[in-house]
Protein backbone atom coordinates (compact mmCIF):
# COMPACT_ATOMS: atom_id res chain seq x y z
CA MET A 1 18.53 247.52 4.12
CA LYS A 2 16.69 245.22 1.70
CA THR A 3 19.98 243.40 0.62
CA ARG A 4 20.96 242.91 4.24
CA LEU A 5 17.75 240.95 4.80
CA PHE A 6 17.72 239.34 1.50
CA LYS A 7 21.10 237.58 1.73
CA PRO A 8 20.37 235.48 4.90
CA VAL A 9 16.99 234.42 3.36
CA LEU A 10 18.64 233.45 0.18
CA LEU A 11 21.37 231.53 1.96
CA ALA A 12 18.90 229.72 4.07
CA ALA A 13 16.66 228.79 1.02
CA THR A 14 19.75 227.56 -0.81
CA ALA A 15 20.80 225.33 2.20
CA ALA A 16 17.40 223.91 2.53
CA LEU A 17 17.27 223.03 -1.22
CA ALA A 18 20.70 221.44 -1.05
CA LEU A 19 19.69 219.32 1.93
CA SER A 20 16.37 218.21 0.37
CA ALA A 21 18.37 217.00 -2.67
CA CYS A 22 20.24 214.61 -0.42
CA ALA A 23 17.10 212.90 0.83
CA THR A 24 15.65 211.20 -2.26
CA ALA A 25 13.52 208.07 -2.61
CA THR A 26 15.24 204.86 -3.65
CA PRO A 27 15.32 204.82 -7.40
CA TYR A 28 14.32 201.83 -9.43
CA GLY A 29 17.43 199.72 -9.93
CA PRO A 30 19.23 196.75 -8.72
CA ALA A 31 20.49 196.48 -5.20
CA SER A 32 24.20 196.87 -5.09
CA PRO A 33 26.64 195.13 -2.61
CA ASP A 34 27.31 198.57 -1.05
CA SER A 35 23.63 199.38 -0.53
CA ARG A 36 20.74 197.02 0.22
CA TYR A 37 18.28 199.33 -1.43
CA GLY A 38 16.77 198.54 -4.81
CA TYR A 39 15.45 195.15 -6.36
CA SER A 40 16.81 191.56 -6.33
CA GLN A 41 15.43 188.32 -7.43
CA GLN A 42 16.39 184.65 -7.00
CA ARG A 43 15.19 181.58 -9.03
CA ILE A 44 13.69 178.95 -6.72
CA GLU A 45 12.42 176.44 -9.25
CA GLY A 46 12.14 176.53 -13.09
CA ASP A 47 9.31 179.10 -13.26
CA ARG A 48 9.23 180.25 -9.61
CA PHE A 49 11.11 183.33 -8.39
CA ARG A 50 11.38 185.25 -5.18
CA VAL A 51 11.48 188.97 -6.00
CA ASN A 52 12.50 191.72 -3.46
CA PHE A 53 12.44 195.60 -3.35
CA ALA A 54 13.88 197.46 -0.47
CA GLY A 55 13.43 201.21 -0.13
CA ASN A 56 15.07 203.79 2.13
CA SER A 57 13.63 205.96 4.66
CA VAL A 58 12.04 208.45 2.23
CA THR A 59 10.59 205.75 -0.09
CA SER A 60 6.84 205.42 0.41
CA ARG A 61 5.18 202.11 0.93
CA ASP A 62 3.26 202.51 -2.27
CA GLN A 63 6.37 203.22 -4.28
CA VAL A 64 8.05 200.14 -2.82
CA GLU A 65 5.01 197.92 -3.74
CA MET A 66 4.81 199.33 -7.27
CA SER A 67 8.47 198.72 -7.81
CA LEU A 68 8.10 195.09 -6.65
CA LEU A 69 5.22 194.46 -9.09
CA LEU A 70 7.15 196.09 -11.85
CA ARG A 71 10.35 193.86 -11.14
CA ALA A 72 7.99 190.80 -11.01
CA ALA A 73 6.65 191.60 -14.54
CA GLU A 74 10.14 192.24 -15.91
CA VAL A 75 11.44 188.97 -14.53
CA THR A 76 8.45 187.36 -16.21
CA VAL A 77 9.15 188.80 -19.60
CA GLU A 78 12.90 188.23 -19.33
CA ASN A 79 12.23 184.41 -18.75
CA GLY A 80 9.75 184.15 -21.70
CA GLY A 81 6.56 184.39 -19.69
CA ASP A 82 3.28 186.20 -20.40
CA TRP A 83 1.79 186.46 -16.97
CA PHE A 84 2.69 185.76 -13.43
CA THR A 85 0.86 184.98 -10.25
CA THR A 86 1.88 185.96 -6.69
CA VAL A 87 1.93 183.05 -4.32
CA ASN A 88 3.22 184.78 -1.29
CA ARG A 89 3.42 188.49 -0.82
CA ALA A 90 4.54 190.59 2.15
CA THR A 91 5.54 194.19 2.98
CA ASP A 92 7.65 194.61 6.06
CA ARG A 93 7.98 197.99 7.77
CA ASP A 94 11.15 198.74 9.89
CA THR A 95 10.55 201.59 12.31
CA ARG A 96 13.07 203.42 14.37
CA LEU A 97 12.84 206.52 16.45
CA SER A 98 15.31 209.42 16.31
CA GLY A 99 15.58 212.02 18.85
CA THR A 100 17.27 215.40 18.62
CA THR A 101 17.76 217.98 21.31
CA ASP A 102 16.82 221.62 21.22
CA PRO A 103 19.88 223.46 19.73
CA PHE A 104 18.95 226.61 21.74
CA TYR A 105 18.92 224.87 25.18
CA TYR A 106 21.59 226.35 27.39
CA ASP A 107 23.23 224.93 30.47
CA ARG A 108 26.74 225.24 31.70
CA TYR A 109 27.93 222.13 29.53
CA SER A 110 26.18 223.43 26.35
CA PRO A 111 27.84 225.75 23.94
CA PHE A 112 24.35 227.07 22.75
CA TRP A 113 22.37 229.71 24.43
CA GLY A 114 18.62 230.28 23.97
CA PRO A 115 15.69 231.90 25.62
CA SER A 116 14.41 229.27 28.01
CA TRP A 117 13.46 229.47 31.70
CA ARG A 118 15.00 227.15 34.29
CA TYR A 119 13.88 225.95 37.75
CA SER A 120 15.59 227.31 40.91
CA ARG A 121 16.00 225.49 44.15
CA ARG A 122 13.20 227.37 46.03
CA GLY A 123 10.57 226.19 43.51
CA LEU A 124 10.39 229.53 41.60
CA TRP A 125 10.85 229.64 37.78
CA SER A 126 14.03 231.56 36.93
CA PRO A 127 16.74 231.53 34.21
CA TRP A 128 19.05 229.36 36.24
CA ARG A 129 18.13 225.70 36.31
CA ASP A 130 15.52 223.37 34.49
CA PRO A 131 14.79 220.16 36.36
CA PHE A 132 13.29 218.55 33.28
CA GLY A 133 16.42 218.88 31.21
CA PRO A 134 16.56 220.06 27.53
CA ASP A 135 13.72 219.81 25.15
CA PHE A 136 13.96 217.23 22.37
CA ASP A 137 12.03 216.16 19.30
CA VAL A 138 11.35 212.50 18.39
CA ARG A 139 10.84 211.55 14.87
CA GLN A 140 9.61 208.17 13.54
CA ILE A 141 11.54 206.84 10.63
CA ASP A 142 9.91 204.05 8.46
CA ARG A 143 11.60 201.89 5.85
CA TYR A 144 9.65 199.47 3.76
CA GLU A 145 10.65 196.25 2.11
CA ALA A 146 8.36 194.15 -0.09
CA THR A 147 8.95 190.43 -1.06
CA SER A 148 6.81 188.24 -3.41
CA GLU A 149 7.11 184.81 -4.57
CA ILE A 150 5.85 184.48 -8.28
CA VAL A 151 5.08 181.71 -10.62
CA ILE A 152 5.50 182.53 -14.40
CA GLY A 153 2.95 181.37 -16.86
CA ARG A 154 2.75 181.39 -20.63
CA GLY A 155 -0.26 181.94 -22.83
CA ARG A 156 -3.45 183.51 -21.68
CA LYS A 157 -3.65 184.80 -18.07
CA PRO A 158 -6.18 182.77 -15.96
CA ALA A 159 -9.41 184.90 -15.80
CA ASN A 160 -10.46 183.57 -12.46
CA ASP A 161 -7.25 184.18 -10.53
CA PRO A 162 -7.16 187.61 -8.68
CA ASN A 163 -3.44 187.10 -8.06
CA ALA A 164 -2.49 186.73 -11.69
CA PHE A 165 -1.07 189.69 -13.60
CA ASP A 166 -0.42 190.27 -17.26
CA ALA A 167 3.24 191.21 -17.28
CA ARG A 168 3.37 193.48 -20.33
CA GLU A 169 0.23 195.32 -18.98
CA VAL A 170 1.91 195.91 -15.58
CA ILE A 171 5.04 197.16 -17.37
CA ASP A 172 2.96 199.58 -19.48
CA ASN A 173 0.91 200.85 -16.56
CA ILE A 174 3.44 201.01 -13.66
CA GLY A 175 6.66 201.47 -15.60
CA PRO A 176 6.22 205.15 -16.15
CA ARG A 177 5.20 205.92 -12.70
CA VAL A 178 8.45 204.44 -11.17
CA ALA A 179 11.46 206.75 -10.80
CA ARG A 180 14.47 204.99 -12.40
CA ALA A 181 18.09 204.98 -11.46
CA MET A 182 20.29 207.07 -13.61
């Protein structure tokens, strides 16, 4: 009796684990032509760059913004700078709604059967017809993309500029907290 109950539970847990492995946050890495997720940068002038990081639907806003700061610091170091300042910075949220119907709703056109009551023509509740149609769930899906325009500086970071960041300090502090692409 115990093995008869244990097998379906084990199968369901394995399926849930396999599905959760598919839904992972965008790892820190360059955006590829196949996927728009990841970082990119573009030189605007000699020491001015536009840096971008786009996350998928399971990447949090905080992770997208940390990845953007990390990439800005790396661009600064790669171009011989010591600090950078953010001139323009924005985080956009793309929201879409996804609806799924109840898989146990039954009508004559549905292959599924489930315990639900339906409405009859005389105004009494019965198992024949539901005037409201099948139940469905609506889920909000958010995707974040952060963009910043940075200016690279050399030497000591300006003490009175709250938008100035020490590049090596940002790499040391944020680098270990960002999941990298393998």
